[in-house]
Amino acid sequence: MTTNEKTNSIQMTARIAAILTLIIVVLAPFSMLYIPTTLIVPGDAATTAGNIMASQGLFRAGMVSDSIVFLIEIVLTVLLYVLIKPVNKTLSLAAAFSRLAMTVIQGINLLNHFIVLLLLSGAGYLAVFAPDQLQARVLLFLNAHEVVGLIWGLFFGLHLLVFGYLVYKSGYFPKFLGILLLIVALCYLTQDFGNMLFPQYKALFTSIGSLAFLEIAFPLWLLIKGVNVAEWEKRVAESA
């Protein structure tokens, strides 16, 4: 592969990673924020079950959105690994595996929503449950889906912690991007550990987690500026 081909290849990898990340940025709030706030009424199992039955199309759209997100995450994990591998192969693998673990948990977590639809399907074998028992189970699995988000958030926080450090040390990305990613990592970890230890302060930790929007700086940089190719090639030569 010629030098120009290598340059075009790494820049293409950066741009594709940026586009995929921005797609996730668009899709994730739909399924993670809009649908729960639209359909789920905290503590009210009957109203929540009624909302989902009346808007099954919206609920299923959220499931499709989640599915697209974690399928994209698999590809994105590989692309980000390729981008950052020249800095430190071992730490790059740690960042990749932690993000992949997050993705697997996201996929498994979708089972909670499938169970919700099964409980509301009206199947004959569910006749052994009273309506209020079914509704309570629906809310239970919806709450379980939310709680599992704390688990995959820890893996994502670990990914960003390692990845942010590698971006900071890379030389072919600006150091401020690495600092922003490290801040976002700490926000995720603080939010998730905080909610586990002190659930009564959920609002506080959620507000801390909202700083995660700073993460968008990295894909925007990849899309607009890309990689400093001269520094990237220097890193590749050093790691060879």
C-alpha atoms as a PDB file:
ATOM      1  CA  MET A   1       0.000   0.000   0.000  1.00  0.00           C
ATOM      2  CA  THR A   2       1.422   3.403  -1.001  1.00  0.00           C
ATOM      3  CA  THR A   3       1.704   6.371   1.362  1.00  0.00           C
ATOM      4  CA  ASN A   4      -1.250   8.105  -0.305  1.00  0.00           C
ATOM      5  CA  GLU A   5      -3.339   4.964   0.001  1.00  0.00           C
ATOM      6  CA  LYS A   6      -2.480   4.684   3.702  1.00  0.00           C
ATOM      7  CA  THR A   7      -3.383   8.352   4.203  1.00  0.00           C
ATOM      8  CA  ASN A   8      -6.702   7.977   2.411  1.00  0.00           C
ATOM      9  CA  SER A   9      -7.430   4.770   4.315  1.00  0.00           C
ATOM     10  CA  ILE A  10      -6.917   6.218   7.802  1.00  0.00           C
ATOM     11  CA  GLN A  11      -8.830   9.391   6.956  1.00  0.00           C
ATOM     12  CA  MET A  12     -11.683   7.303   5.563  1.00  0.00           C
ATOM     13  CA  THR A  13     -11.670   5.226   8.747  1.00  0.00           C
ATOM     14  CA  ALA A  14     -11.880   8.426  10.806  1.00  0.00           C
ATOM     15  CA  ARG A  15     -14.756   9.843   8.744  1.00  0.00           C
ATOM     16  CA  ILE A  16     -16.762   6.608   8.832  1.00  0.00           C
ATOM     17  CA  ALA A  17     -16.255   6.380  12.612  1.00  0.00           C
ATOM     18  CA  ALA A  18     -17.480   9.974  12.922  1.00  0.00           C
ATOM     19  CA  ILE A  19     -20.599   9.351  10.829  1.00  0.00           C
ATOM     20  CA  LEU A  20     -21.485   6.188  12.738  1.00  0.00           C
ATOM     21  CA  THR A  21     -21.042   7.964  16.069  1.00  0.00           C
ATOM     22  CA  LEU A  22     -23.273  10.829  14.950  1.00  0.00           C
ATOM     23  CA  ILE A  23     -25.945   8.344  13.850  1.00  0.00           C
ATOM     24  CA  ILE A  24     -25.870   6.919  17.380  1.00  0.00           C
ATOM     25  CA  VAL A  25     -26.115  10.457  18.784  1.00  0.00           C
ATOM     26  CA  VAL A  26     -29.331  10.922  16.783  1.00  0.00           C
ATOM     27  CA  LEU A  27     -30.903   7.511  17.463  1.00  0.00           C
ATOM     28  CA  ALA A  28     -30.027   6.946  21.121  1.00  0.00           C
ATOM     29  CA  PRO A  29     -32.033   9.858  22.617  1.00  0.00           C
ATOM     30  CA  PHE A  30     -35.136   8.617  20.784  1.00  0.00           C
ATOM     31  CA  SER A  31     -35.123   5.212  22.450  1.00  0.00           C
ATOM     32  CA  MET A  32     -33.402   6.148  25.712  1.00  0.00           C
ATOM     33  CA  LEU A  33     -35.126   9.476  26.503  1.00  0.00           C
ATOM     34  CA  TYR A  34     -38.153  10.243  24.323  1.00  0.00           C
ATOM     35  CA  ILE A  35     -39.925   6.886  24.480  1.00  0.00           C
ATOM     36  CA  PRO A  36     -39.489   6.310  28.252  1.00  0.00           C
ATOM     37  CA  THR A  37     -40.689   9.827  29.103  1.00  0.00           C
ATOM     38  CA  THR A  38     -43.606   9.461  26.676  1.00  0.00           C
ATOM     39  CA  LEU A  39     -44.857   6.006  27.649  1.00  0.00           C
ATOM     40  CA  ILE A  40     -43.613   5.222  31.155  1.00  0.00           C
ATOM     41  CA  VAL A  41     -45.288   6.786  34.181  1.00  0.00           C
ATOM     42  CA  PRO A  42     -43.057   6.101  37.221  1.00  0.00           C
ATOM     43  CA  GLY A  43     -44.890   4.111  39.876  1.00  0.00           C
ATOM     44  CA  ASP A  44     -48.076   3.800  37.794  1.00  0.00           C
ATOM     45  CA  ALA A  45     -48.098   0.312  36.309  1.00  0.00           C
ATOM     46  CA  ALA A  46     -51.651   0.488  34.913  1.00  0.00           C
ATOM     47  CA  THR A  47     -51.148   3.747  33.017  1.00  0.00           C
ATOM     48  CA  THR A  48     -47.754   2.616  31.722  1.00  0.00           C
ATOM     49  CA  ALA A  49     -49.159  -0.677  30.428  1.00  0.00           C
ATOM     50  CA  GLY A  50     -52.050   1.187  28.802  1.00  0.00           C
ATOM     51  CA  ASN A  51     -49.698   3.647  27.122  1.00  0.00           C
ATOM     52  CA  ILE A  52     -47.586   0.851  25.647  1.00  0.00           C
ATOM     53  CA  MET A  53     -50.630  -1.072  24.404  1.00  0.00           C
ATOM     54  CA  ALA A  54     -51.970   2.096  22.774  1.00  0.00           C
ATOM     55  CA  SER A  55     -48.601   2.961  21.202  1.00  0.00           C
ATOM     56  CA  GLN A  56     -47.023  -0.401  20.418  1.00  0.00           C
ATOM     57  CA  GLY A  57     -45.649   0.957  17.156  1.00  0.00           C
ATOM     58  CA  LEU A  58     -43.718   3.650  19.008  1.00  0.00           C
ATOM     59  CA  PHE A  59     -42.471   1.141  21.587  1.00  0.00           C
ATOM     60  CA  ARG A  60     -41.297  -1.239  18.854  1.00  0.00           C
ATOM     61  CA  ALA A  61     -39.653   1.640  17.001  1.00  0.00           C
ATOM     62  CA  GLY A  62     -37.605   2.256  20.119  1.00  0.00           C
ATOM     63  CA  MET A  63     -36.527  -1.384  20.122  1.00  0.00           C
ATOM     64  CA  VAL A  64     -35.460  -1.110  16.480  1.00  0.00           C
ATOM     65  CA  SER A  65     -33.562   2.077  17.300  1.00  0.00           C
ATOM     66  CA  ASP A  66     -31.744   0.285  20.135  1.00  0.00           C
ATOM     67  CA  SER A  67     -30.935  -2.607  17.794  1.00  0.00           C
ATOM     68  CA  ILE A  68     -29.439  -0.323  15.161  1.00  0.00           C
ATOM     69  CA  VAL A  69     -27.359   1.406  17.827  1.00  0.00           C
ATOM     70  CA  PHE A  70     -25.713  -1.738  19.178  1.00  0.00           C
ATOM     71  CA  LEU A  71     -25.120  -3.127  15.679  1.00  0.00           C
ATOM     72  CA  ILE A  72     -23.372   0.128  14.767  1.00  0.00           C
ATOM     73  CA  GLU A  73     -21.406  -0.066  18.017  1.00  0.00           C
ATOM     74  CA  ILE A  74     -19.797  -3.343  16.898  1.00  0.00           C
ATOM     75  CA  VAL A  75     -18.440  -1.752  13.722  1.00  0.00           C
ATOM     76  CA  LEU A  76     -17.498   1.439  15.555  1.00  0.00           C
ATOM     77  CA  THR A  77     -15.507  -0.498  18.146  1.00  0.00           C
ATOM     78  CA  VAL A  78     -13.294  -1.925  15.403  1.00  0.00           C
ATOM     79  CA  LEU A  79     -12.827   1.439  13.657  1.00  0.00           C
ATOM     80  CA  LEU A  80     -11.854   3.231  16.870  1.00  0.00           C
ATOM     81  CA  TYR A  81      -9.398   0.449  17.688  1.00  0.00           C
ATOM     82  CA  VAL A  82      -7.733   0.912  14.287  1.00  0.00           C
ATOM     83  CA  LEU A  83      -7.481   4.665  14.860  1.00  0.00           C
ATOM     84  CA  ILE A  84      -5.887   4.453  18.291  1.00  0.00           C
ATOM     85  CA  LYS A  85      -3.863   1.233  18.089  1.00  0.00           C
ATOM     86  CA  PRO A  86      -0.541   2.952  17.147  1.00  0.00           C
ATOM     87  CA  VAL A  87      -0.470   4.697  20.552  1.00  0.00           C
ATOM     88  CA  ASN A  88      -0.567   1.544  22.674  1.00  0.00           C
ATOM     89  CA  LYS A  89      -1.866  -1.787  21.421  1.00  0.00           C
ATOM     90  CA  THR A  90      -2.579  -3.232  24.870  1.00  0.00           C
ATOM     91  CA  LEU A  91      -4.582  -0.247  26.105  1.00  0.00           C
ATOM     92  CA  SER A  92      -6.339  -0.016  22.734  1.00  0.00           C
ATOM     93  CA  LEU A  93      -7.516  -3.593  23.192  1.00  0.00           C
ATOM     94  CA  ALA A  94      -8.739  -2.738  26.698  1.00  0.00           C
ATOM     95  CA  ALA A  95     -10.728   0.190  25.286  1.00  0.00           C
ATOM     96  CA  ALA A  96     -12.145  -1.975  22.495  1.00  0.00           C
ATOM     97  CA  PHE A  97     -13.130  -4.891  24.735  1.00  0.00           C
ATOM     98  CA  SER A  98     -14.822  -2.636  27.283  1.00  0.00           C
ATOM     99  CA  ARG A  99     -16.896  -0.999  24.534  1.00  0.00           C
ATOM    100  CA  LEU A 100     -17.725  -4.381  23.038  1.00  0.00           C
ATOM    101  CA  ALA A 101     -18.810  -5.644  26.469  1.00  0.00           C
ATOM    102  CA  MET A 102     -21.072  -2.609  26.732  1.00  0.00           C
ATOM    103  CA  THR A 103     -22.586  -3.458  23.357  1.00  0.00           C
ATOM    104  CA  VAL A 104     -23.293  -7.069  24.342  1.00  0.00           C
ATOM    105  CA  ILE A 105     -25.069  -5.905  27.501  1.00  0.00           C
ATOM    106  CA  GLN A 106     -27.125  -3.430  25.469  1.00  0.00           C
ATOM    107  CA  GLY A 107     -28.216  -6.272  23.194  1.00  0.00           C
ATOM    108  CA  ILE A 108     -29.164  -8.533  26.091  1.00  0.00           C
ATOM    109  CA  ASN A 109     -31.010  -5.662  27.763  1.00  0.00           C
ATOM    110  CA  LEU A 110     -33.387  -5.521  24.808  1.00  0.00           C
ATOM    111  CA  LEU A 111     -34.821  -8.808  26.110  1.00  0.00           C
ATOM    112  CA  ASN A 112     -36.567  -6.832  28.874  1.00  0.00           C
ATOM    113  CA  HIS A 113     -38.612  -4.967  26.261  1.00  0.00           C
ATOM    114  CA  PHE A 114     -39.477  -8.180  24.419  1.00  0.00           C
ATOM    115  CA  ILE A 115     -40.761  -9.604  27.710  1.00  0.00           C
ATOM    116  CA  VAL A 116     -42.908  -6.491  28.183  1.00  0.00           C
ATOM    117  CA  LEU A 117     -44.545  -7.125  24.804  1.00  0.00           C
ATOM    118  CA  LEU A 118     -45.082 -10.781  25.685  1.00  0.00           C
ATOM    119  CA  LEU A 119     -46.778  -9.812  28.950  1.00  0.00           C
ATOM    120  CA  LEU A 120     -49.103  -7.467  27.051  1.00  0.00           C
ATOM    121  CA  SER A 121     -49.747  -9.867  24.177  1.00  0.00           C
ATOM    122  CA  GLY A 122     -52.959 -11.277  25.609  1.00  0.00           C
ATOM    123  CA  ALA A 123     -51.734 -14.856  25.148  1.00  0.00           C
ATOM    124  CA  GLY A 124     -53.904 -17.517  26.760  1.00  0.00           C
ATOM    125  CA  TYR A 125     -51.234 -18.759  29.153  1.00  0.00           C
ATOM    126  CA  LEU A 126     -51.178 -15.309  30.792  1.00  0.00           C
ATOM    127  CA  ALA A 127     -54.749 -15.752  32.038  1.00  0.00           C
ATOM    128  CA  VAL A 128     -53.374 -17.118  35.314  1.00  0.00           C
ATOM    129  CA  PHE A 129     -52.291 -13.559  36.165  1.00  0.00           C
ATOM    130  CA  ALA A 130     -54.726 -10.867  37.240  1.00  0.00           C
ATOM    131  CA  PRO A 131     -54.532  -7.651  35.149  1.00  0.00           C
ATOM    132  CA  ASP A 132     -52.825  -5.723  37.944  1.00  0.00           C
ATOM    133  CA  GLN A 133     -50.252  -8.523  38.313  1.00  0.00           C
ATOM    134  CA  LEU A 134     -49.419  -8.350  34.599  1.00  0.00           C
ATOM    135  CA  GLN A 135     -49.158  -4.575  34.758  1.00  0.00           C
ATOM    136  CA  ALA A 136     -46.837  -4.771  37.770  1.00  0.00           C
ATOM    137  CA  ARG A 137     -44.603  -7.201  35.899  1.00  0.00           C
ATOM    138  CA  VAL A 138     -44.535  -4.873  32.898  1.00  0.00           C
ATOM    139  CA  LEU A 139     -43.277  -2.018  35.073  1.00  0.00           C
ATOM    140  CA  LEU A 140     -40.777  -4.348  36.740  1.00  0.00           C
ATOM    141  CA  PHE A 141     -39.155  -5.270  33.421  1.00  0.00           C
ATOM    142  CA  LEU A 142     -39.177  -1.658  32.254  1.00  0.00           C
ATOM    143  CA  ASN A 143     -37.412  -0.661  35.476  1.00  0.00           C
ATOM    144  CA  ALA A 144     -34.963  -3.539  34.984  1.00  0.00           C
ATOM    145  CA  HIS A 145     -34.196  -2.199  31.502  1.00  0.00           C
ATOM    146  CA  GLU A 146     -33.376   1.192  33.009  1.00  0.00           C
ATOM    147  CA  VAL A 147     -31.198  -0.303  35.749  1.00  0.00           C
ATOM    148  CA  VAL A 148     -29.175  -2.366  33.257  1.00  0.00           C
ATOM    149  CA  GLY A 149     -28.309   0.983  31.671  1.00  0.00           C
ATOM    150  CA  LEU A 150     -26.245   1.683  34.788  1.00  0.00           C
ATOM    151  CA  ILE A 151     -24.292  -1.507  34.143  1.00  0.00           C
ATOM    152  CA  TRP A 152     -23.437  -0.899  30.502  1.00  0.00           C
ATOM    153  CA  GLY A 153     -22.700   2.714  31.402  1.00  0.00           C
ATOM    154  CA  LEU A 154     -19.844   1.506  33.608  1.00  0.00           C
ATOM    155  CA  PHE A 155     -18.286  -0.357  30.692  1.00  0.00           C
ATOM    156  CA  PHE A 156     -18.686   2.729  28.517  1.00  0.00           C
ATOM    157  CA  GLY A 157     -17.095   4.868  31.218  1.00  0.00           C
ATOM    158  CA  LEU A 158     -14.109   2.515  31.320  1.00  0.00           C
ATOM    159  CA  HIS A 159     -13.861   2.629  27.534  1.00  0.00           C
ATOM    160  CA  LEU A 160     -13.851   6.434  27.502  1.00  0.00           C
ATOM    161  CA  LEU A 161     -11.332   6.580  30.339  1.00  0.00           C
ATOM    162  CA  VAL A 162      -8.805   4.456  28.447  1.00  0.00           C
ATOM    163  CA  PHE A 163      -9.682   5.850  25.025  1.00  0.00           C
ATOM    164  CA  GLY A 164      -9.480   9.439  26.260  1.00  0.00           C
ATOM    165  CA  TYR A 165      -6.019   8.791  27.682  1.00  0.00           C
ATOM    166  CA  LEU A 166      -4.875   7.312  24.354  1.00  0.00           C
ATOM    167  CA  VAL A 167      -6.296  10.272  22.421  1.00  0.00           C
ATOM    168  CA  TYR A 168      -4.458  12.628  24.793  1.00  0.00           C
ATOM    169  CA  LYS A 169      -1.159  10.774  24.284  1.00  0.00           C
ATOM    170  CA  SER A 170      -1.581  10.147  20.542  1.00  0.00           C
ATOM    171  CA  GLY A 171      -0.004  13.274  19.102  1.00  0.00           C
ATOM    172  CA  TYR A 172      -2.259  13.034  16.047  1.00  0.00           C
ATOM    173  CA  PHE A 173      -5.335  14.258  17.905  1.00  0.00           C
ATOM    174  CA  PRO A 174      -5.468  17.506  19.928  1.00  0.00           C
ATOM    175  CA  LYS A 175      -4.925  17.006  23.648  1.00  0.00           C
ATOM    176  CA  PHE A 176      -8.125  18.868  24.501  1.00  0.00           C
ATOM    177  CA  LEU A 177     -10.149  16.074  22.865  1.00  0.00           C
ATOM    178  CA  GLY A 178      -8.535  13.558  25.191  1.00  0.00           C
ATOM    179  CA  ILE A 179      -9.288  15.788  28.189  1.00  0.00           C
ATOM    180  CA  LEU A 180     -12.947  16.121  27.166  1.00  0.00           C
ATOM    181  CA  LEU A 181     -13.268  12.344  26.791  1.00  0.00           C
ATOM    182  CA  LEU A 182     -11.714  11.830  30.231  1.00  0.00           C
ATOM    183  CA  ILE A 183     -14.212  14.300  31.719  1.00  0.00           C
ATOM    184  CA  VAL A 184     -17.096  12.445  30.054  1.00  0.00           C
ATOM    185  CA  ALA A 185     -15.726   9.133  31.359  1.00  0.00           C
ATOM    186  CA  LEU A 186     -15.707  10.475  34.917  1.00  0.00           C
ATOM    187  CA  CYS A 187     -19.256  11.782  34.435  1.00  0.00           C
ATOM    188  CA  TYR A 188     -20.494   8.326  33.378  1.00  0.00           C
ATOM    189  CA  LEU A 189     -18.710   6.592  36.238  1.00  0.00           C
ATOM    190  CA  THR A 190     -19.887   9.156  38.801  1.00  0.00           C
ATOM    191  CA  GLN A 191     -23.467   8.942  37.558  1.00  0.00           C
ATOM    192  CA  ASP A 192     -23.629   5.144  37.575  1.00  0.00           C
ATOM    193  CA  PHE A 193     -21.748   4.457  40.804  1.00  0.00           C
ATOM    194  CA  GLY A 194     -23.604   7.350  42.429  1.00  0.00           C
ATOM    195  CA  ASN A 195     -26.999   5.950  41.470  1.00  0.00           C
ATOM    196  CA  MET A 196     -25.989   2.525  42.776  1.00  0.00           C
ATOM    197  CA  LEU A 197     -24.789   3.861  46.124  1.00  0.00           C
ATOM    198  CA  PHE A 198     -27.164   6.801  46.660  1.00  0.00           C
ATOM    199  CA  PRO A 199     -30.353   6.287  44.606  1.00  0.00           C
ATOM    200  CA  GLN A 200     -32.075   9.035  46.596  1.00  0.00           C
ATOM    201  CA  TYR A 201     -29.837  11.550  44.769  1.00  0.00           C
ATOM    202  CA  LYS A 202     -30.699  10.295  41.296  1.00  0.00           C
ATOM    203  CA  ALA A 203     -31.503  13.796  40.007  1.00  0.00           C
ATOM    204  CA  LEU A 204     -28.061  15.059  41.047  1.00  0.00           C
ATOM    205  CA  PHE A 205     -26.179  12.207  39.404  1.00  0.00           C
ATOM    206  CA  THR A 206     -28.332  12.438  36.279  1.00  0.00           C
ATOM    207  CA  SER A 207     -27.396  16.110  35.967  1.00  0.00           C
ATOM    208  CA  ILE A 208     -23.725  15.145  36.219  1.00  0.00           C
ATOM    209  CA  GLY A 209     -24.250  12.529  33.513  1.00  0.00           C
ATOM    210  CA  SER A 210     -25.766  15.170  31.243  1.00  0.00           C
ATOM    211  CA  LEU A 211     -22.253  16.540  30.686  1.00  0.00           C
ATOM    212  CA  ALA A 212     -21.736  13.508  28.447  1.00  0.00           C
ATOM    213  CA  PHE A 213     -22.771  15.722  25.523  1.00  0.00           C
ATOM    214  CA  LEU A 214     -19.123  16.909  25.481  1.00  0.00           C
ATOM    215  CA  GLU A 215     -18.289  13.576  23.856  1.00  0.00           C
ATOM    216  CA  ILE A 216     -19.683  14.867  20.565  1.00  0.00           C
ATOM    217  CA  ALA A 217     -16.552  16.998  20.110  1.00  0.00           C
ATOM    218  CA  PHE A 218     -14.559  13.914  19.104  1.00  0.00           C
ATOM    219  CA  PRO A 219     -16.718  12.686  16.184  1.00  0.00           C
ATOM    220  CA  LEU A 220     -17.103  16.264  14.957  1.00  0.00           C
ATOM    221  CA  TRP A 221     -13.329  16.629  14.931  1.00  0.00           C
ATOM    222  CA  LEU A 222     -12.960  13.340  13.037  1.00  0.00           C
ATOM    223  CA  LEU A 223     -15.523  14.450  10.482  1.00  0.00           C
ATOM    224  CA  ILE A 224     -14.161  17.956   9.924  1.00  0.00           C
ATOM    225  CA  LYS A 225     -10.426  17.662  10.599  1.00  0.00           C
ATOM    226  CA  GLY A 226      -9.680  13.950  10.585  1.00  0.00           C
ATOM    227  CA  VAL A 227      -6.290  12.611  11.629  1.00  0.00           C
ATOM    228  CA  ASN A 228      -2.945  14.408  11.633  1.00  0.00           C
ATOM    229  CA  VAL A 229      -1.498  11.969   9.117  1.00  0.00           C
ATOM    230  CA  ALA A 230       2.169  12.900   9.607  1.00  0.00           C
ATOM    231  CA  GLU A 231       1.952  12.252  13.349  1.00  0.00           C
ATOM    232  CA  TRP A 232      -0.121   9.104  12.810  1.00  0.00           C
ATOM    233  CA  GLU A 233       2.510   7.668  10.431  1.00  0.00           C
ATOM    234  CA  LYS A 234       5.210   8.532  12.979  1.00  0.00           C
ATOM    235  CA  ARG A 235       3.311   6.609  15.652  1.00  0.00           C
ATOM    236  CA  VAL A 236       2.789   3.669  13.320  1.00  0.00           C
ATOM    237  CA  ALA A 237       6.533   3.538  12.596  1.00  0.00           C
ATOM    238  CA  GLU A 238       7.352   3.663  16.311  1.00  0.00           C
ATOM    239  CA  SER A 239       4.957   0.850  17.121  1.00  0.00           C
ATOM    240  CA  ALA A 240       6.132  -1.407  14.287  1.00  0.00           C
END
